[in-house]
Amino acid sequence: MSAKADSLKSILFALAANFAIALAKGVAAFFTNSGSMLAEAIHSLADCGNQALLLWGVKDAKRPPDENHPLGYGKSIYFWSFIVALLLFSVGGLFSVYEGVHKLQSPSMMGSPWLGIGVLVFALLAESMSMAACISEVNKVRNGRNFLQWFRETRQSDLMVIFGEDLAALCGLVLALAAITLTMVTGNPLFDALGSILIGLLLLLVAWMLASEMKDLIIGQGVEPALRDEMWQFLEQQPEVERVFNLLTMQLGEDVMVAVKAQMRPANSDLALIEAVNAVEKRFKSRYAQVIWCFFEPDFED
């Protein structure tokens, strides 16, 4: 559980890829008059803004504690990740659905469809590289879990958002490519409109999943279940500890707060008991560097 993913690397990689893709899609949407392509261009542009917000969140979360925020600003990354989910919902999903419905009501044929297909193929390649970089970081911390289980249990919200965005982008590109190809082959603009609607519904689904996870993190979640179990076992293995009654954790961005209630082995004096508690805390914080605050309460019962 000591491995750590570099979410900043994934954010920067995704930002560079989405900026190039947004430009290419915007040009293609102008020349092809494709609703699916326009939806994808807006999607990529929104993703660029999302990644800029995540970068701001990462920076904001590193601010040191102050009088009004004694536990620091680590959880601010959850707020900005939640804002990203809302933007993905509104700018990406709702606009794509709106554009598709508009195309259904006022159908029009595309121009230069091969340009659109070429841009989508380029976008698929660029987005695949971004996704590969993200998965490389996710694999460092998955610890044998499948991707859905990792998504539900991870406390690294910025990496979770990048993963969700990249996955939605790849699926959206496949839908857009299928929609434009079918429109070109059949001559029926209905497929292009349906493609835009499906892309929008996909983005709405991903945005809802991200927002749901961010809500839990903002309210307050402990560390990942496997890490909590590992911490509990570590404490019970300490020679000064007789029994652990309770272990409460709070994930604060990259930092963690821990509260322990445990029965200590008999000590010769109050001073010896204090020294024993301090020794356990020191080893615990040395083993788990992300633990910034550790509150230890020795007791005889829970």
C-alpha atoms as a PDB file:
ATOM      1  CA  MET A   1       0.000   0.000   0.000  1.00  0.00           C
ATOM      2  CA  SER A   2       3.061   2.267  -0.038  1.00  0.00           C
ATOM      3  CA  ALA A   3       3.002   2.916  -3.789  1.00  0.00           C
ATOM      4  CA  LYS A   4       1.785   6.310  -4.925  1.00  0.00           C
ATOM      5  CA  ALA A   5       0.454   7.389  -8.291  1.00  0.00           C
ATOM      6  CA  ASP A   6       1.647  10.618  -9.896  1.00  0.00           C
ATOM      7  CA  SER A   7      -1.678  12.285 -10.666  1.00  0.00           C
ATOM      8  CA  LEU A   8       0.023  15.547 -11.722  1.00  0.00           C
ATOM      9  CA  LYS A   9       1.746  13.728 -14.566  1.00  0.00           C
ATOM     10  CA  SER A  10      -1.589  12.308 -15.738  1.00  0.00           C
ATOM     11  CA  ILE A  11      -3.256  15.745 -15.557  1.00  0.00           C
ATOM     12  CA  LEU A  12      -0.552  17.446 -17.649  1.00  0.00           C
ATOM     13  CA  PHE A  13      -0.544  14.630 -20.200  1.00  0.00           C
ATOM     14  CA  ALA A  14      -4.336  14.790 -20.528  1.00  0.00           C
ATOM     15  CA  LEU A  15      -4.291  18.603 -20.815  1.00  0.00           C
ATOM     16  CA  ALA A  16      -1.792  18.556 -23.687  1.00  0.00           C
ATOM     17  CA  ALA A  17      -3.680  15.806 -25.514  1.00  0.00           C
ATOM     18  CA  ASN A  18      -7.107  17.413 -25.087  1.00  0.00           C
ATOM     19  CA  PHE A  19      -5.917  20.840 -26.219  1.00  0.00           C
ATOM     20  CA  ALA A  20      -4.576  19.429 -29.496  1.00  0.00           C
ATOM     21  CA  ILE A  21      -7.700  17.302 -29.935  1.00  0.00           C
ATOM     22  CA  ALA A  22     -10.071  20.214 -29.237  1.00  0.00           C
ATOM     23  CA  LEU A  23      -8.414  22.333 -31.935  1.00  0.00           C
ATOM     24  CA  ALA A  24      -8.578  19.525 -34.478  1.00  0.00           C
ATOM     25  CA  LYS A  25     -12.206  18.713 -33.663  1.00  0.00           C
ATOM     26  CA  GLY A  26     -13.231  22.373 -33.805  1.00  0.00           C
ATOM     27  CA  VAL A  27     -11.815  22.776 -37.304  1.00  0.00           C
ATOM     28  CA  ALA A  28     -13.435  19.533 -38.424  1.00  0.00           C
ATOM     29  CA  ALA A  29     -16.813  20.493 -36.909  1.00  0.00           C
ATOM     30  CA  PHE A  30     -16.724  23.807 -38.818  1.00  0.00           C
ATOM     31  CA  PHE A  31     -16.090  22.150 -42.195  1.00  0.00           C
ATOM     32  CA  THR A  32     -18.248  19.034 -41.739  1.00  0.00           C
ATOM     33  CA  ASN A  33     -21.261  20.630 -39.997  1.00  0.00           C
ATOM     34  CA  SER A  34     -21.409  17.477 -37.868  1.00  0.00           C
ATOM     35  CA  GLY A  35     -23.336  17.537 -34.603  1.00  0.00           C
ATOM     36  CA  SER A  36     -21.336  14.599 -33.246  1.00  0.00           C
ATOM     37  CA  MET A  37     -18.079  16.338 -34.108  1.00  0.00           C
ATOM     38  CA  LEU A  38     -19.216  19.596 -32.506  1.00  0.00           C
ATOM     39  CA  ALA A  39     -20.248  17.677 -29.383  1.00  0.00           C
ATOM     40  CA  GLU A  40     -16.818  16.067 -29.271  1.00  0.00           C
ATOM     41  CA  ALA A  41     -15.073  19.446 -29.781  1.00  0.00           C
ATOM     42  CA  ILE A  42     -17.013  20.973 -26.874  1.00  0.00           C
ATOM     43  CA  HIS A  43     -16.266  17.881 -24.821  1.00  0.00           C
ATOM     44  CA  SER A  44     -12.504  18.176 -25.401  1.00  0.00           C
ATOM     45  CA  LEU A  45     -12.550  21.924 -24.748  1.00  0.00           C
ATOM     46  CA  ALA A  46     -14.431  21.336 -21.489  1.00  0.00           C
ATOM     47  CA  ASP A  47     -11.854  18.708 -20.552  1.00  0.00           C
ATOM     48  CA  CYS A  48      -9.080  21.283 -20.980  1.00  0.00           C
ATOM     49  CA  GLY A  49     -10.865  23.580 -18.549  1.00  0.00           C
ATOM     50  CA  ASN A  50     -11.404  20.655 -16.194  1.00  0.00           C
ATOM     51  CA  GLN A  51      -7.716  19.802 -16.152  1.00  0.00           C
ATOM     52  CA  ALA A  52      -6.827  23.454 -15.490  1.00  0.00           C
ATOM     53  CA  LEU A  53      -9.165  23.354 -12.471  1.00  0.00           C
ATOM     54  CA  LEU A  54      -7.547  20.134 -11.256  1.00  0.00           C
ATOM     55  CA  LEU A  55      -4.111  21.760 -11.492  1.00  0.00           C
ATOM     56  CA  TRP A  56      -5.431  24.641  -9.408  1.00  0.00           C
ATOM     57  CA  GLY A  57      -6.885  22.163  -6.921  1.00  0.00           C
ATOM     58  CA  VAL A  58      -3.583  20.299  -6.597  1.00  0.00           C
ATOM     59  CA  LYS A  59      -1.797  23.589  -5.893  1.00  0.00           C
ATOM     60  CA  ASP A  60      -4.465  24.801  -3.455  1.00  0.00           C
ATOM     61  CA  ALA A  61      -4.378  21.517  -1.526  1.00  0.00           C
ATOM     62  CA  LYS A  62      -0.689  22.040  -0.711  1.00  0.00           C
ATOM     63  CA  ARG A  63      -1.291  25.233   1.277  1.00  0.00           C
ATOM     64  CA  PRO A  64      -0.035  24.866   4.871  1.00  0.00           C
ATOM     65  CA  PRO A  65      -2.422  24.781   7.855  1.00  0.00           C
ATOM     66  CA  ASP A  66      -3.483  28.086   9.379  1.00  0.00           C
ATOM     67  CA  GLU A  67      -5.643  29.268  12.274  1.00  0.00           C
ATOM     68  CA  ASN A  68      -8.904  28.825  10.377  1.00  0.00           C
ATOM     69  CA  HIS A  69      -7.867  25.523   8.759  1.00  0.00           C
ATOM     70  CA  PRO A  70      -5.771  23.714  11.375  1.00  0.00           C
ATOM     71  CA  LEU A  71      -5.840  20.457   9.416  1.00  0.00           C
ATOM     72  CA  GLY A  72      -4.701  22.146   6.212  1.00  0.00           C
ATOM     73  CA  TYR A  73      -6.307  22.527   2.796  1.00  0.00           C
ATOM     74  CA  GLY A  74      -5.858  18.974   1.506  1.00  0.00           C
ATOM     75  CA  LYS A  75      -9.589  18.379   0.990  1.00  0.00           C
ATOM     76  CA  SER A  76      -9.851  21.346  -1.397  1.00  0.00           C
ATOM     77  CA  ILE A  77      -8.855  18.982  -4.229  1.00  0.00           C
ATOM     78  CA  TYR A  78     -12.165  17.201  -3.612  1.00  0.00           C
ATOM     79  CA  PHE A  79     -14.073  20.449  -4.082  1.00  0.00           C
ATOM     80  CA  TRP A  80     -12.374  21.210  -7.389  1.00  0.00           C
ATOM     81  CA  SER A  81     -12.850  17.628  -8.549  1.00  0.00           C
ATOM     82  CA  PHE A  82     -16.564  18.004  -7.764  1.00  0.00           C
ATOM     83  CA  ILE A  83     -16.684  21.216  -9.816  1.00  0.00           C
ATOM     84  CA  VAL A  84     -15.064  19.319 -12.698  1.00  0.00           C
ATOM     85  CA  ALA A  85     -17.795  16.674 -12.471  1.00  0.00           C
ATOM     86  CA  LEU A  86     -20.471  19.392 -12.601  1.00  0.00           C
ATOM     87  CA  LEU A  87     -18.821  21.001 -15.641  1.00  0.00           C
ATOM     88  CA  LEU A  88     -18.598  17.635 -17.368  1.00  0.00           C
ATOM     89  CA  PHE A  89     -22.319  17.253 -16.666  1.00  0.00           C
ATOM     90  CA  SER A  90     -23.399  20.718 -17.831  1.00  0.00           C
ATOM     91  CA  VAL A  91     -20.925  21.782 -20.517  1.00  0.00           C
ATOM     92  CA  GLY A  92     -20.191  18.337 -21.878  1.00  0.00           C
ATOM     93  CA  GLY A  93     -23.237  16.148 -21.365  1.00  0.00           C
ATOM     94  CA  LEU A  94     -26.150  18.570 -21.543  1.00  0.00           C
ATOM     95  CA  PHE A  95     -24.746  20.486 -24.515  1.00  0.00           C
ATOM     96  CA  SER A  96     -24.168  17.264 -26.462  1.00  0.00           C
ATOM     97  CA  VAL A  97     -27.720  16.097 -25.833  1.00  0.00           C
ATOM     98  CA  TYR A  98     -29.052  19.536 -26.801  1.00  0.00           C
ATOM     99  CA  GLU A  99     -27.021  19.559 -30.016  1.00  0.00           C
ATOM    100  CA  GLY A 100     -28.273  16.081 -30.924  1.00  0.00           C
ATOM    101  CA  VAL A 101     -31.922  17.019 -30.336  1.00  0.00           C
ATOM    102  CA  HIS A 102     -31.420  20.186 -32.382  1.00  0.00           C
ATOM    103  CA  LYS A 103     -30.003  18.127 -35.247  1.00  0.00           C
ATOM    104  CA  LEU A 104     -32.991  15.789 -35.054  1.00  0.00           C
ATOM    105  CA  GLN A 105     -35.354  18.726 -35.393  1.00  0.00           C
ATOM    106  CA  SER A 106     -33.335  20.419 -38.148  1.00  0.00           C
ATOM    107  CA  PRO A 107     -31.362  17.689 -39.946  1.00  0.00           C
ATOM    108  CA  SER A 108     -28.601  18.701 -42.339  1.00  0.00           C
ATOM    109  CA  MET A 109     -25.990  16.698 -44.216  1.00  0.00           C
ATOM    110  CA  MET A 110     -22.346  16.846 -43.331  1.00  0.00           C
ATOM    111  CA  GLY A 111     -19.662  18.308 -45.526  1.00  0.00           C
ATOM    112  CA  SER A 112     -16.159  16.819 -45.913  1.00  0.00           C
ATOM    113  CA  PRO A 113     -16.919  13.681 -43.860  1.00  0.00           C
ATOM    114  CA  TRP A 114     -13.466  12.248 -44.541  1.00  0.00           C
ATOM    115  CA  LEU A 115     -11.958  15.227 -42.743  1.00  0.00           C
ATOM    116  CA  GLY A 116     -14.067  14.413 -39.728  1.00  0.00           C
ATOM    117  CA  ILE A 117     -13.048  10.755 -39.808  1.00  0.00           C
ATOM    118  CA  GLY A 118      -9.371  11.698 -40.096  1.00  0.00           C
ATOM    119  CA  VAL A 119      -9.610  14.037 -37.107  1.00  0.00           C
ATOM    120  CA  LEU A 120     -11.392  11.400 -35.034  1.00  0.00           C
ATOM    121  CA  VAL A 121      -8.707   8.821 -35.823  1.00  0.00           C
ATOM    122  CA  PHE A 122      -6.056  11.348 -34.738  1.00  0.00           C
ATOM    123  CA  ALA A 123      -8.044  12.058 -31.590  1.00  0.00           C
ATOM    124  CA  LEU A 124      -8.334   8.350 -30.833  1.00  0.00           C
ATOM    125  CA  LEU A 125      -4.576   7.961 -31.049  1.00  0.00           C
ATOM    126  CA  ALA A 126      -3.888  11.008 -28.861  1.00  0.00           C
ATOM    127  CA  GLU A 127      -6.547  10.051 -26.314  1.00  0.00           C
ATOM    128  CA  SER A 128      -5.256   6.477 -26.216  1.00  0.00           C
ATOM    129  CA  MET A 129      -1.814   7.796 -25.288  1.00  0.00           C
ATOM    130  CA  SER A 130      -3.342   9.914 -22.519  1.00  0.00           C
ATOM    131  CA  MET A 131      -5.364   6.931 -21.271  1.00  0.00           C
ATOM    132  CA  ALA A 132      -2.273   4.707 -21.328  1.00  0.00           C
ATOM    133  CA  ALA A 133      -0.375   7.244 -19.200  1.00  0.00           C
ATOM    134  CA  CYS A 134      -3.292   7.407 -16.757  1.00  0.00           C
ATOM    135  CA  ILE A 135      -3.624   3.612 -16.517  1.00  0.00           C
ATOM    136  CA  SER A 136       0.123   3.369 -15.891  1.00  0.00           C
ATOM    137  CA  GLU A 137      -0.346   5.528 -12.786  1.00  0.00           C
ATOM    138  CA  VAL A 138      -3.536   3.726 -11.723  1.00  0.00           C
ATOM    139  CA  ASN A 139      -1.772   0.355 -11.935  1.00  0.00           C
ATOM    140  CA  LYS A 140       0.722   1.554  -9.317  1.00  0.00           C
ATOM    141  CA  VAL A 141      -2.044   1.695  -6.705  1.00  0.00           C
ATOM    142  CA  ARG A 142      -4.664  -0.811  -7.891  1.00  0.00           C
ATOM    143  CA  ASN A 143      -3.093  -3.645  -5.885  1.00  0.00           C
ATOM    144  CA  GLY A 144      -4.903  -6.402  -7.764  1.00  0.00           C
ATOM    145  CA  ARG A 145      -8.316  -4.711  -7.739  1.00  0.00           C
ATOM    146  CA  ASN A 146     -10.309  -4.352 -10.942  1.00  0.00           C
ATOM    147  CA  PHE A 147     -10.728  -0.831 -12.296  1.00  0.00           C
ATOM    148  CA  LEU A 148     -14.289  -0.426 -11.006  1.00  0.00           C
ATOM    149  CA  GLN A 149     -13.309  -1.494  -7.497  1.00  0.00           C
ATOM    150  CA  TRP A 150     -10.328   0.867  -7.563  1.00  0.00           C
ATOM    151  CA  PHE A 151     -12.602   3.683  -8.802  1.00  0.00           C
ATOM    152  CA  ARG A 152     -15.002   3.126  -5.903  1.00  0.00           C
ATOM    153  CA  GLU A 153     -12.299   2.828  -3.227  1.00  0.00           C
ATOM    154  CA  THR A 154      -9.586   5.277  -4.271  1.00  0.00           C
ATOM    155  CA  ARG A 155      -9.146   8.511  -2.342  1.00  0.00           C
ATOM    156  CA  GLN A 156      -7.048  10.132  -5.078  1.00  0.00           C
ATOM    157  CA  SER A 157      -9.809  12.222  -6.617  1.00  0.00           C
ATOM    158  CA  ASP A 158      -7.741  13.987  -9.292  1.00  0.00           C
ATOM    159  CA  LEU A 159      -6.511  10.681 -10.741  1.00  0.00           C
ATOM    160  CA  MET A 160     -10.066   9.326 -10.551  1.00  0.00           C
ATOM    161  CA  VAL A 161     -11.359  12.308 -12.555  1.00  0.00           C
ATOM    162  CA  ILE A 162      -8.668  11.972 -15.227  1.00  0.00           C
ATOM    163  CA  PHE A 163      -9.430   8.259 -15.545  1.00  0.00           C
ATOM    164  CA  GLY A 164     -13.158   8.948 -15.904  1.00  0.00           C
ATOM    165  CA  GLU A 165     -12.603  11.741 -18.409  1.00  0.00           C
ATOM    166  CA  ASP A 166     -10.214   9.700 -20.552  1.00  0.00           C
ATOM    167  CA  LEU A 167     -12.520   6.683 -20.543  1.00  0.00           C
ATOM    168  CA  ALA A 168     -15.515   8.838 -21.498  1.00  0.00           C
ATOM    169  CA  ALA A 169     -13.455  10.543 -24.208  1.00  0.00           C
ATOM    170  CA  LEU A 170     -12.392   7.252 -25.798  1.00  0.00           C
ATOM    171  CA  CYS A 171     -15.947   5.866 -25.757  1.00  0.00           C
ATOM    172  CA  GLY A 172     -17.273   9.180 -27.110  1.00  0.00           C
ATOM    173  CA  LEU A 173     -14.780   9.153 -29.964  1.00  0.00           C
ATOM    174  CA  VAL A 174     -15.835   5.645 -30.939  1.00  0.00           C
ATOM    175  CA  LEU A 175     -19.485   6.751 -30.928  1.00  0.00           C
ATOM    176  CA  ALA A 176     -18.691   9.861 -32.991  1.00  0.00           C
ATOM    177  CA  LEU A 177     -16.670   7.835 -35.496  1.00  0.00           C
ATOM    178  CA  ALA A 178     -19.504   5.324 -35.856  1.00  0.00           C
ATOM    179  CA  ALA A 179     -22.097   8.109 -36.218  1.00  0.00           C
ATOM    180  CA  ILE A 180     -20.169   9.979 -38.926  1.00  0.00           C
ATOM    181  CA  THR A 181     -19.365   6.778 -40.811  1.00  0.00           C
ATOM    182  CA  LEU A 182     -22.991   5.641 -40.795  1.00  0.00           C
ATOM    183  CA  THR A 183     -24.130   9.096 -41.881  1.00  0.00           C
ATOM    184  CA  MET A 184     -21.635   9.104 -44.742  1.00  0.00           C
ATOM    185  CA  VAL A 185     -22.529   5.578 -45.883  1.00  0.00           C
ATOM    186  CA  THR A 186     -26.319   5.889 -45.618  1.00  0.00           C
ATOM    187  CA  GLY A 187     -26.718   9.591 -46.374  1.00  0.00           C
ATOM    188  CA  ASN A 188     -29.036   9.832 -43.363  1.00  0.00           C
ATOM    189  CA  PRO A 189     -28.155  12.660 -40.903  1.00  0.00           C
ATOM    190  CA  LEU A 190     -30.226  10.892 -38.230  1.00  0.00           C
ATOM    191  CA  PHE A 191     -27.180   8.828 -37.251  1.00  0.00           C
ATOM    192  CA  ASP A 192     -25.119  11.968 -36.628  1.00  0.00           C
ATOM    193  CA  ALA A 193     -27.810  13.396 -34.357  1.00  0.00           C
ATOM    194  CA  LEU A 194     -28.167  10.125 -32.469  1.00  0.00           C
ATOM    195  CA  GLY A 195     -24.391  10.005 -32.058  1.00  0.00           C
ATOM    196  CA  SER A 196     -24.398  13.398 -30.381  1.00  0.00           C
ATOM    197  CA  ILE A 197     -27.200  12.347 -28.012  1.00  0.00           C
ATOM    198  CA  LEU A 198     -25.427   9.095 -27.079  1.00  0.00           C
ATOM    199  CA  ILE A 199     -22.196  10.994 -26.400  1.00  0.00           C
ATOM    200  CA  GLY A 200     -24.114  13.368 -24.153  1.00  0.00           C
ATOM    201  CA  LEU A 201     -25.758  10.526 -22.225  1.00  0.00           C
ATOM    202  CA  LEU A 202     -22.357   8.886 -21.789  1.00  0.00           C
ATOM    203  CA  LEU A 203     -20.903  12.091 -20.356  1.00  0.00           C
ATOM    204  CA  LEU A 204     -23.878  12.510 -18.033  1.00  0.00           C
ATOM    205  CA  LEU A 205     -23.347   8.975 -16.705  1.00  0.00           C
ATOM    206  CA  VAL A 206     -19.624   9.515 -16.071  1.00  0.00           C
ATOM    207  CA  ALA A 207     -20.291  12.923 -14.497  1.00  0.00           C
ATOM    208  CA  TRP A 208     -22.862  11.390 -12.151  1.00  0.00           C
ATOM    209  CA  MET A 209     -20.440   8.629 -11.094  1.00  0.00           C
ATOM    210  CA  LEU A 210     -17.658  11.153 -10.447  1.00  0.00           C
ATOM    211  CA  ALA A 211     -19.933  13.541  -8.549  1.00  0.00           C
ATOM    212  CA  SER A 212     -21.184  10.677  -6.368  1.00  0.00           C
ATOM    213  CA  GLU A 213     -17.631   9.692  -5.411  1.00  0.00           C
ATOM    214  CA  MET A 214     -16.632  13.331  -4.814  1.00  0.00           C
ATOM    215  CA  LYS A 215     -19.629  13.839  -2.515  1.00  0.00           C
ATOM    216  CA  ASP A 216     -18.428  11.034  -0.256  1.00  0.00           C
ATOM    217  CA  LEU A 217     -14.905  12.469  -0.151  1.00  0.00           C
ATOM    218  CA  ILE A 218     -16.144  15.977   0.636  1.00  0.00           C
ATOM    219  CA  ILE A 219     -18.381  14.694   3.438  1.00  0.00           C
ATOM    220  CA  GLY A 220     -15.411  12.800   4.822  1.00  0.00           C
ATOM    221  CA  GLN A 221     -14.032   9.340   4.122  1.00  0.00           C
ATOM    222  CA  GLY A 222     -11.368   7.328   5.854  1.00  0.00           C
ATOM    223  CA  VAL A 223      -8.407   5.781   4.070  1.00  0.00           C
ATOM    224  CA  GLU A 224      -8.934   2.901   1.671  1.00  0.00           C
ATOM    225  CA  PRO A 225     -10.244  -0.236   3.449  1.00  0.00           C
ATOM    226  CA  ALA A 226      -7.134  -2.320   2.741  1.00  0.00           C
ATOM    227  CA  LEU A 227      -4.877   0.429   4.095  1.00  0.00           C
ATOM    228  CA  ARG A 228      -6.960   0.754   7.272  1.00  0.00           C
ATOM    229  CA  ASP A 229      -6.699  -3.006   7.870  1.00  0.00           C
ATOM    230  CA  GLU A 230      -2.943  -2.799   7.350  1.00  0.00           C
ATOM    231  CA  MET A 231      -2.674   0.080   9.845  1.00  0.00           C
ATOM    232  CA  TRP A 232      -4.693  -1.865  12.424  1.00  0.00           C
ATOM    233  CA  GLN A 233      -2.443  -4.915  12.077  1.00  0.00           C
ATOM    234  CA  PHE A 234       0.676  -2.747  12.321  1.00  0.00           C
ATOM    235  CA  LEU A 235      -0.515  -1.222  15.593  1.00  0.00           C
ATOM    236  CA  GLU A 236      -1.401  -4.594  17.130  1.00  0.00           C
ATOM    237  CA  GLN A 237       2.078  -5.894  16.242  1.00  0.00           C
ATOM    238  CA  GLN A 238       3.770  -3.217  18.331  1.00  0.00           C
ATOM    239  CA  PRO A 239       5.276  -4.621  21.552  1.00  0.00           C
ATOM    240  CA  GLU A 240       3.836  -1.773  23.650  1.00  0.00           C
ATOM    241  CA  VAL A 241       0.245  -2.388  22.471  1.00  0.00           C
ATOM    242  CA  GLU A 242      -1.929  -5.019  24.129  1.00  0.00           C
ATOM    243  CA  ARG A 243      -5.051  -4.503  22.024  1.00  0.00           C
ATOM    244  CA  VAL A 244      -6.446  -1.977  19.565  1.00  0.00           C
ATOM    245  CA  PHE A 245     -10.013  -0.965  20.388  1.00  0.00           C
ATOM    246  CA  ASN A 246     -10.662   1.487  17.597  1.00  0.00           C
ATOM    247  CA  LEU A 247      -8.932   3.120  14.655  1.00  0.00           C
ATOM    248  CA  LEU A 248     -10.510   6.154  13.012  1.00  0.00           C
ATOM    249  CA  THR A 249      -8.990   7.677   9.876  1.00  0.00           C
ATOM    250  CA  MET A 250      -9.797  10.716   7.776  1.00  0.00           C
ATOM    251  CA  GLN A 251      -8.440  11.242   4.271  1.00  0.00           C
ATOM    252  CA  LEU A 252      -7.496  14.896   3.729  1.00  0.00           C
ATOM    253  CA  GLY A 253      -6.253  14.977   0.155  1.00  0.00           C
ATOM    254  CA  GLU A 254      -2.762  13.484   0.229  1.00  0.00           C
ATOM    255  CA  ASP A 255      -2.620  13.738   4.042  1.00  0.00           C
ATOM    256  CA  VAL A 256      -4.280  11.506   6.615  1.00  0.00           C
ATOM    257  CA  MET A 257      -5.500  12.085  10.162  1.00  0.00           C
ATOM    258  CA  VAL A 258      -5.603   9.079  12.512  1.00  0.00           C
ATOM    259  CA  ALA A 259      -7.170   8.589  15.949  1.00  0.00           C
ATOM    260  CA  VAL A 260      -6.273   5.426  17.885  1.00  0.00           C
ATOM    261  CA  LYS A 261      -7.795   3.999  21.039  1.00  0.00           C
ATOM    262  CA  ALA A 262      -5.804   1.089  22.418  1.00  0.00           C
ATOM    263  CA  GLN A 263      -4.942  -0.802  25.568  1.00  0.00           C
ATOM    264  CA  MET A 264      -1.229  -0.544  26.329  1.00  0.00           C
ATOM    265  CA  ARG A 265       0.847  -3.182  28.055  1.00  0.00           C
ATOM    266  CA  PRO A 266       1.527  -2.500  31.757  1.00  0.00           C
ATOM    267  CA  ALA A 267       4.082   0.259  32.369  1.00  0.00           C
ATOM    268  CA  ASN A 268       6.080   1.037  35.517  1.00  0.00           C
ATOM    269  CA  SER A 269       4.957   4.664  35.673  1.00  0.00           C
ATOM    270  CA  ASP A 270       2.928   7.341  33.937  1.00  0.00           C
ATOM    271  CA  LEU A 271       6.094   8.585  32.294  1.00  0.00           C
ATOM    272  CA  ALA A 272       6.848   5.107  30.948  1.00  0.00           C
ATOM    273  CA  LEU A 273       3.316   4.898  29.538  1.00  0.00           C
ATOM    274  CA  ILE A 274       3.717   8.260  27.788  1.00  0.00           C
ATOM    275  CA  GLU A 275       7.068   7.158  26.361  1.00  0.00           C
ATOM    276  CA  ALA A 276       5.493   3.925  25.107  1.00  0.00           C
ATOM    277  CA  VAL A 277       2.680   5.810  23.367  1.00  0.00           C
ATOM    278  CA  ASN A 278       5.166   8.231  21.813  1.00  0.00           C
ATOM    279  CA  ALA A 279       7.301   5.341  20.571  1.00  0.00           C
ATOM    280  CA  VAL A 280       4.313   3.679  18.888  1.00  0.00           C
ATOM    281  CA  GLU A 281       3.230   6.981  17.294  1.00  0.00           C
ATOM    282  CA  LYS A 282       6.753   7.604  16.007  1.00  0.00           C
ATOM    283  CA  ARG A 283       7.015   4.177  14.367  1.00  0.00           C
ATOM    284  CA  PHE A 284       3.481   4.471  12.995  1.00  0.00           C
ATOM    285  CA  LYS A 285       4.137   7.848  11.341  1.00  0.00           C
ATOM    286  CA  SER A 286       7.466   6.601  10.044  1.00  0.00           C
ATOM    287  CA  ARG A 287       5.728   3.617   8.422  1.00  0.00           C
ATOM    288  CA  TYR A 288       2.864   5.714   7.024  1.00  0.00           C
ATOM    289  CA  ALA A 289       4.368   9.006   5.879  1.00  0.00           C
ATOM    290  CA  GLN A 290       0.965  10.308   4.731  1.00  0.00           C
ATOM    291  CA  VAL A 291      -0.196  10.399   8.367  1.00  0.00           C
ATOM    292  CA  ILE A 292       0.323  14.009   9.448  1.00  0.00           C
ATOM    293  CA  TRP A 293      -1.855  13.988  12.568  1.00  0.00           C
ATOM    294  CA  CYS A 294      -2.015  11.032  14.973  1.00  0.00           C
ATOM    295  CA  PHE A 295      -4.079  11.183  18.164  1.00  0.00           C
ATOM    296  CA  PHE A 296      -3.463   8.237  20.507  1.00  0.00           C
ATOM    297  CA  GLU A 297      -5.683   7.467  23.490  1.00  0.00           C
ATOM    298  CA  PRO A 298      -4.584   4.684  25.865  1.00  0.00           C
ATOM    299  CA  ASP A 299      -7.535   3.042  27.678  1.00  0.00           C
ATOM    300  CA  PHE A 300      -8.760  -0.217  29.229  1.00  0.00           C
ATOM    301  CA  GLU A 301     -11.997  -0.485  27.201  1.00  0.00           C
ATOM    302  CA  ASP A 302     -13.593   0.916  24.086  1.00  0.00           C
END
